[in-house]
Amino acid sequence: MLFSEARGRAVMDLTSADTVATVAACTVAPSPARIAGLRLKTRGRGHHTLEWANVESFGPDAVAVEGSGSIRDEKTMDPGEPAHAAHDPVGKAVLTETGLRRGTVTDIEFDERSGRVRHLLTDGEQIPGDALLGVGGYAVVVTAPE
């Protein structure tokens, strides 16, 4: 699945059957490359994140979560946490470990069951998720092509 297809998807609380948020963006962690968290748009002010470990299911119509208590305010998160907003790769430059620019991340192809990142998509190529070394505030770093 492409992450752009998941944007706007409802987040449902299984305990109350209420929509508590919608998916706005994601964060990614390396080794192995995976979705670390979903950045959410909620009714309140501020920015919120749902860690991937708290996702019960990622269905075609909604993301299910067991209780809205697992949704965290990003202000309470340390920037080093993989689910923090700083690790959102979309729109960031892609650089190899040797400093070669490979474009800008435009989308992420991932497995909605496991959260594994299959590919980072740029304007001109698909970079395998296994090449991901890190996501920072400015850029996404990947291994240099052989």
Protein backbone atom coordinates (compact mmCIF):
# COMPACT_ATOMS: atom_id res chain seq x y z
CA MET A 1 0.00 0.00 0.00
CA LEU A 2 1.13 3.56 -0.63
CA PHE A 3 1.04 5.86 2.37
CA SER A 4 -0.67 8.54 0.27
CA GLU A 5 -3.63 6.12 0.03
CA ALA A 6 -3.80 5.89 3.84
CA ARG A 7 -3.78 9.65 4.45
CA GLY A 8 -7.20 10.78 5.70
CA ARG A 9 -8.19 7.30 6.90
CA ALA A 10 -10.27 7.29 10.10
CA VAL A 11 -8.76 6.07 13.39
CA MET A 12 -11.41 4.15 15.35
CA ASP A 13 -11.37 3.44 19.08
CA LEU A 14 -12.48 -0.20 19.43
CA THR A 15 -13.71 0.33 23.00
CA SER A 16 -16.16 3.11 22.08
CA ALA A 17 -16.57 2.65 18.30
CA ASP A 18 -15.85 6.39 17.92
CA THR A 19 -13.67 8.03 15.31
CA VAL A 20 -10.94 9.68 17.39
CA ALA A 21 -8.66 11.00 14.62
CA THR A 22 -7.64 10.73 11.00
CA VAL A 23 -4.25 9.70 9.62
CA ALA A 24 -2.22 12.72 8.49
CA ALA A 25 1.35 11.43 8.07
CA CYS A 26 3.72 8.75 9.31
CA THR A 27 7.13 8.34 10.87
CA VAL A 28 9.68 5.73 9.86
CA ALA A 29 12.42 3.86 11.71
CA PRO A 30 15.32 1.89 10.16
CA SER A 31 16.78 -1.57 10.85
CA PRO A 32 14.46 -3.02 9.75
CA ALA A 33 12.68 -0.22 7.89
CA ARG A 34 9.18 0.09 9.31
CA ILE A 35 6.40 2.53 10.08
CA ALA A 36 7.13 3.68 13.64
CA GLY A 37 4.07 5.83 14.12
CA LEU A 38 1.08 7.48 12.55
CA ARG A 39 0.80 11.24 12.89
CA LEU A 40 -2.84 12.12 13.48
CA LYS A 41 -5.23 14.96 12.97
CA THR A 42 -7.52 15.17 16.00
CA ARG A 43 -10.37 17.45 17.01
CA GLY A 44 -8.24 19.19 19.63
CA ARG A 45 -5.29 21.48 19.18
CA GLY A 46 -1.76 20.24 18.79
CA HIS A 47 -0.27 17.26 17.03
CA HIS A 48 -0.73 13.66 18.08
CA THR A 49 0.95 10.36 17.29
CA LEU A 50 -0.10 6.73 17.47
CA GLU A 51 2.83 4.34 17.74
CA TRP A 52 2.59 1.47 15.26
CA ALA A 53 2.79 -1.04 18.12
CA ASN A 54 -0.61 0.27 19.31
CA VAL A 55 -2.34 -0.26 15.95
CA GLU A 56 -4.72 -3.21 16.30
CA SER A 57 -5.50 -3.37 12.58
CA PHE A 58 -5.01 -1.29 9.46
CA GLY A 59 -8.10 -1.89 7.35
CA PRO A 60 -9.28 -0.48 4.02
CA ASP A 61 -11.67 1.96 5.74
CA ALA A 62 -10.14 2.61 9.16
CA VAL A 63 -7.22 2.11 11.50
CA ALA A 64 -8.34 0.39 14.71
CA VAL A 65 -6.86 1.21 18.12
CA GLU A 66 -7.72 -0.33 21.49
CA GLY A 67 -8.58 2.81 23.46
CA SER A 68 -7.66 6.38 22.61
CA GLY A 69 -5.27 6.47 25.60
CA SER A 70 -2.51 5.17 23.33
CA ILE A 71 -2.62 8.38 21.27
CA ARG A 72 0.20 10.64 22.45
CA ASP A 73 0.61 14.40 22.28
CA GLU A 74 3.79 15.06 20.30
CA LYS A 75 4.83 17.70 22.84
CA THR A 76 5.44 14.88 25.34
CA MET A 77 7.66 12.91 22.95
CA ASP A 78 11.44 13.04 22.84
CA PRO A 79 12.78 13.87 19.33
CA GLY A 80 14.90 10.71 19.52
CA GLU A 81 11.82 8.47 19.64
CA PRO A 82 11.22 6.81 16.24
CA ALA A 83 7.53 7.83 16.30
CA HIS A 84 8.40 11.55 16.75
CA ALA A 85 7.44 13.94 13.93
CA ALA A 86 11.12 14.54 13.10
CA HIS A 87 11.18 11.05 11.56
CA ASP A 88 8.51 11.79 8.93
CA PRO A 89 10.39 11.16 5.65
CA VAL A 90 7.92 12.59 3.13
CA GLY A 91 9.24 15.77 1.52
CA LYS A 92 12.80 15.25 2.77
CA ALA A 93 15.91 14.90 0.63
CA VAL A 94 17.31 11.40 0.14
CA LEU A 95 21.09 11.22 0.57
CA THR A 96 23.35 8.20 0.38
CA GLU A 97 25.84 7.52 3.14
CA THR A 98 28.48 8.92 0.77
CA GLY A 99 26.58 12.20 0.27
CA LEU A 100 25.02 11.56 -3.16
CA ARG A 101 21.54 13.08 -3.51
CA ARG A 102 18.93 10.64 -4.82
CA GLY A 103 15.88 12.90 -4.89
CA THR A 104 13.11 13.71 -2.43
CA VAL A 105 10.76 11.25 -0.75
CA THR A 106 7.32 11.60 -2.33
CA ASP A 107 5.64 8.51 -0.88
CA ILE A 108 6.21 5.29 1.04
CA GLU A 109 5.15 1.80 -0.02
CA PHE A 110 4.51 -0.33 3.07
CA ASP A 111 2.84 -3.52 4.27
CA GLU A 112 -0.29 -2.49 6.18
CA ARG A 113 -0.24 -5.66 8.31
CA SER A 114 3.33 -5.46 9.59
CA GLY A 115 4.25 -1.82 8.94
CA ARG A 116 7.39 -2.93 7.03
CA VAL A 117 8.58 -0.33 4.53
CA ARG A 118 8.92 -1.94 1.13
CA HIS A 119 10.11 1.13 -0.79
CA LEU A 120 10.78 4.82 -0.41
CA LEU A 121 9.53 6.52 -3.55
CA THR A 122 11.20 9.58 -5.04
CA ASP A 123 10.49 11.48 -8.24
CA GLY A 124 12.59 9.07 -10.25
CA GLU A 125 13.04 5.79 -8.41
CA GLN A 126 11.96 3.26 -5.82
CA ILE A 127 14.55 2.77 -3.10
CA PRO A 128 14.23 -0.55 -1.24
CA GLY A 129 13.26 -0.18 2.41
CA ASP A 130 16.25 -2.34 3.36
CA ALA A 131 18.51 0.52 2.17
CA LEU A 132 17.17 2.91 4.83
CA LEU A 133 19.80 3.92 7.39
CA GLY A 134 18.02 6.79 9.12
CA VAL A 135 15.51 9.64 8.99
CA GLY A 136 16.46 13.00 10.43
CA GLY A 137 15.16 16.53 10.49
CA TYR A 138 16.65 17.41 7.11
CA ALA A 139 17.18 14.20 5.16
CA VAL A 140 16.64 10.49 4.77
CA VAL A 141 19.91 8.55 4.59
CA VAL A 142 20.16 5.35 2.55
CA THR A 143 22.96 3.00 1.59
CA ALA A 144 24.91 3.89 -1.55
CA PRO A 145 24.04 1.78 -4.61
CA GLU A 146 26.59 -0.89 -5.43
